[in-house]
């Protein structure tokens, strides 16, 4: 079974590297749900899709972190656990799809990397807030090696 297309709003399992871990010299991230916020296909290389993902975490946002809580009904539909979770908007990872850090989602077969789609209205709110933060330079890309 082929991997799903990297559609904005799709929640995938990915080895996300936090900015703080990057600063500490780490190159490997922790497998976690991540929301695809953008999928970019350059005109000069349509076969290469760059994907930007935002991490999902159980940790409430700190003073320096901007995040949006995921409603319980959305978590249930994605088959995530019932603990409170947030999508972090103030940092992201970027990689070429599918990349070595895309992982199998729990309970799925080897090609099941996706939990499902965020509801359109919830995704639009996340996207708009992320774009505003990026425009204000309050969101940062975490450098990754591929």
Protein backbone atom coordinates (compact mmCIF):
# COMPACT_ATOMS: atom_id res chain seq x y z
CA UNK A 1 0.00 0.00 0.00
CA UNK A 2 1.51 3.40 -0.98
CA UNK A 3 2.05 6.23 1.46
CA UNK A 4 -0.63 8.93 1.56
CA UNK A 5 -0.05 12.22 -0.23
CA UNK A 6 1.36 14.86 2.15
CA UNK A 7 -1.78 17.01 2.30
CA UNK A 8 -1.92 20.03 4.63
CA UNK A 9 -4.06 19.08 7.62
CA UNK A 10 -2.95 15.44 7.61
CA UNK A 11 -1.61 14.24 10.97
CA UNK A 12 1.30 11.84 10.56
CA UNK A 13 3.75 10.04 12.85
CA UNK A 14 7.17 11.67 12.52
CA UNK A 15 10.49 11.76 14.40
CA UNK A 16 10.22 15.44 15.37
CA UNK A 17 13.35 17.29 16.53
CA UNK A 18 12.63 20.10 18.99
CA UNK A 19 14.60 23.33 18.69
CA UNK A 20 15.96 22.87 22.23
CA UNK A 21 17.20 19.37 21.30
CA UNK A 22 18.85 20.76 18.15
CA UNK A 23 20.65 23.37 20.27
CA UNK A 24 21.84 20.55 22.56
CA UNK A 25 23.44 18.84 19.54
CA UNK A 26 20.84 16.13 18.92
CA UNK A 27 20.03 15.07 15.36
CA UNK A 28 17.32 12.48 16.04
CA UNK A 29 13.84 13.41 17.19
CA UNK A 30 11.09 11.64 19.11
CA UNK A 31 8.33 9.86 17.22
CA UNK A 32 5.08 11.76 17.73
CA UNK A 33 2.00 12.93 15.89
CA UNK A 34 2.71 15.98 13.74
CA UNK A 35 0.37 18.06 11.61
CA UNK A 36 1.39 18.83 8.05
CA UNK A 37 1.03 22.59 7.76
CA UNK A 38 2.35 22.90 4.18
CA UNK A 39 3.50 20.76 1.26
CA UNK A 40 5.62 22.68 -1.25
CA UNK A 41 6.39 21.41 -4.76
CA UNK A 42 9.04 23.52 -6.52
CA UNK A 43 8.27 24.25 -10.16
CA UNK A 44 11.79 23.23 -11.22
CA UNK A 45 11.50 19.80 -9.50
CA UNK A 46 7.85 18.67 -9.26
CA UNK A 47 8.95 15.26 -7.97
CA UNK A 48 10.37 16.73 -4.76
CA UNK A 49 7.82 17.79 -2.17
CA UNK A 50 9.04 19.73 0.86
CA UNK A 51 6.79 19.17 3.88
CA UNK A 52 6.51 21.40 6.96
CA UNK A 53 5.20 19.75 10.13
CA UNK A 54 4.10 21.10 13.48
CA UNK A 55 4.55 18.86 16.54
CA UNK A 56 1.78 17.60 18.81
CA UNK A 57 2.70 17.46 22.50
CA UNK A 58 1.14 16.67 25.87
CA UNK A 59 3.17 19.47 27.50
CA UNK A 60 1.21 22.68 28.06
CA UNK A 61 2.78 25.63 26.24
CA UNK A 62 5.45 27.61 28.07
CA UNK A 63 5.77 31.40 28.03
CA UNK A 64 7.87 31.28 24.85
CA UNK A 65 5.76 28.67 23.04
CA UNK A 66 2.65 29.35 21.00
CA UNK A 67 0.30 26.37 20.76
CA UNK A 68 -3.34 25.49 20.15
CA UNK A 69 -5.08 22.83 22.22
CA UNK A 70 -6.59 19.98 20.24
CA UNK A 71 -10.26 19.47 21.14
CA UNK A 72 -11.04 16.08 22.72
CA UNK A 73 -13.42 15.12 19.89
CA UNK A 74 -10.67 15.73 17.31
CA UNK A 75 -8.21 13.60 19.31
CA UNK A 76 -10.80 10.85 19.52
CA UNK A 77 -11.42 10.92 15.77
CA UNK A 78 -7.66 10.71 15.12
CA UNK A 79 -7.44 7.81 17.61
CA UNK A 80 -4.93 9.69 19.78
CA UNK A 81 -4.86 9.17 23.55
CA UNK A 82 -7.28 11.06 25.80
CA UNK A 83 -4.65 13.24 27.55
CA UNK A 84 -4.72 16.96 26.74
CA UNK A 85 -2.54 17.81 23.73
CA UNK A 86 -1.42 20.90 21.85
CA UNK A 87 -0.21 21.63 18.33
CA UNK A 88 2.90 23.81 18.69
CA UNK A 89 2.92 26.70 16.21
CA UNK A 90 6.16 28.46 17.14
CA UNK A 91 8.55 25.93 15.56
CA UNK A 92 8.51 23.41 12.74
CA UNK A 93 10.53 20.71 11.00
CA UNK A 94 10.91 20.62 7.22
CA UNK A 95 11.85 17.59 5.13
CA UNK A 96 11.57 16.02 1.69
CA UNK A 97 8.56 13.67 1.54
CA UNK A 98 8.51 10.96 2.70
CA UNK A 99 11.91 11.21 4.36
CA UNK A 100 13.58 8.84 6.81
CA UNK A 101 11.79 10.19 9.90
CA UNK A 102 8.22 9.35 8.83
CA UNK A 103 7.11 6.44 11.01
CA UNK A 104 4.33 3.85 11.14
CA UNK A 105 1.40 5.06 13.23
CA UNK A 106 0.53 2.78 16.17
CA UNK A 107 -1.98 0.11 15.26
CA UNK A 108 -1.50 0.48 11.52
CA UNK A 109 0.27 -1.61 8.92
CA UNK A 110 3.75 -0.71 7.66
CA UNK A 111 2.44 1.95 5.28
CA UNK A 112 0.06 3.53 7.80
CA UNK A 113 1.90 6.71 8.74
CA UNK A 114 -1.24 8.84 9.07
CA UNK A 115 -3.69 9.25 11.93
CA UNK A 116 -6.14 11.20 9.77
CA UNK A 117 -7.11 14.73 8.80
CA UNK A 118 -7.69 17.69 11.08
CA UNK A 119 -11.17 19.18 10.63
CA UNK A 120 -11.04 21.97 8.01
CA UNK A 121 -12.04 24.79 10.38
CA UNK A 122 -9.56 23.73 13.07
CA UNK A 123 -6.79 23.34 10.47
CA UNK A 124 -7.57 26.79 8.99
CA UNK A 125 -7.24 28.39 12.45
CA UNK A 126 -3.89 26.66 13.03
CA UNK A 127 -2.62 27.57 9.54
CA UNK A 128 -3.63 31.22 9.86
CA UNK A 129 -2.03 31.61 13.28
CA UNK A 130 1.13 29.81 12.11
CA UNK A 131 1.41 32.06 9.03
CA UNK A 132 1.00 35.17 11.21
CA UNK A 133 3.74 33.95 13.58
CA UNK A 134 6.04 33.15 10.66
CA UNK A 135 5.44 36.57 9.11
CA UNK A 136 6.35 38.17 12.46
CA UNK A 137 9.41 35.88 12.70
CA UNK A 138 8.04 34.37 15.91
CA UNK A 139 8.10 30.82 14.49
CA UNK A 140 11.33 29.07 13.59
CA UNK A 141 12.41 26.19 11.41
CA UNK A 142 14.46 23.62 13.28
CA UNK A 143 17.49 22.68 11.16
CA UNK A 144 17.56 18.97 10.28
CA UNK A 145 19.98 16.71 8.49
CA UNK A 146 18.34 14.40 5.98
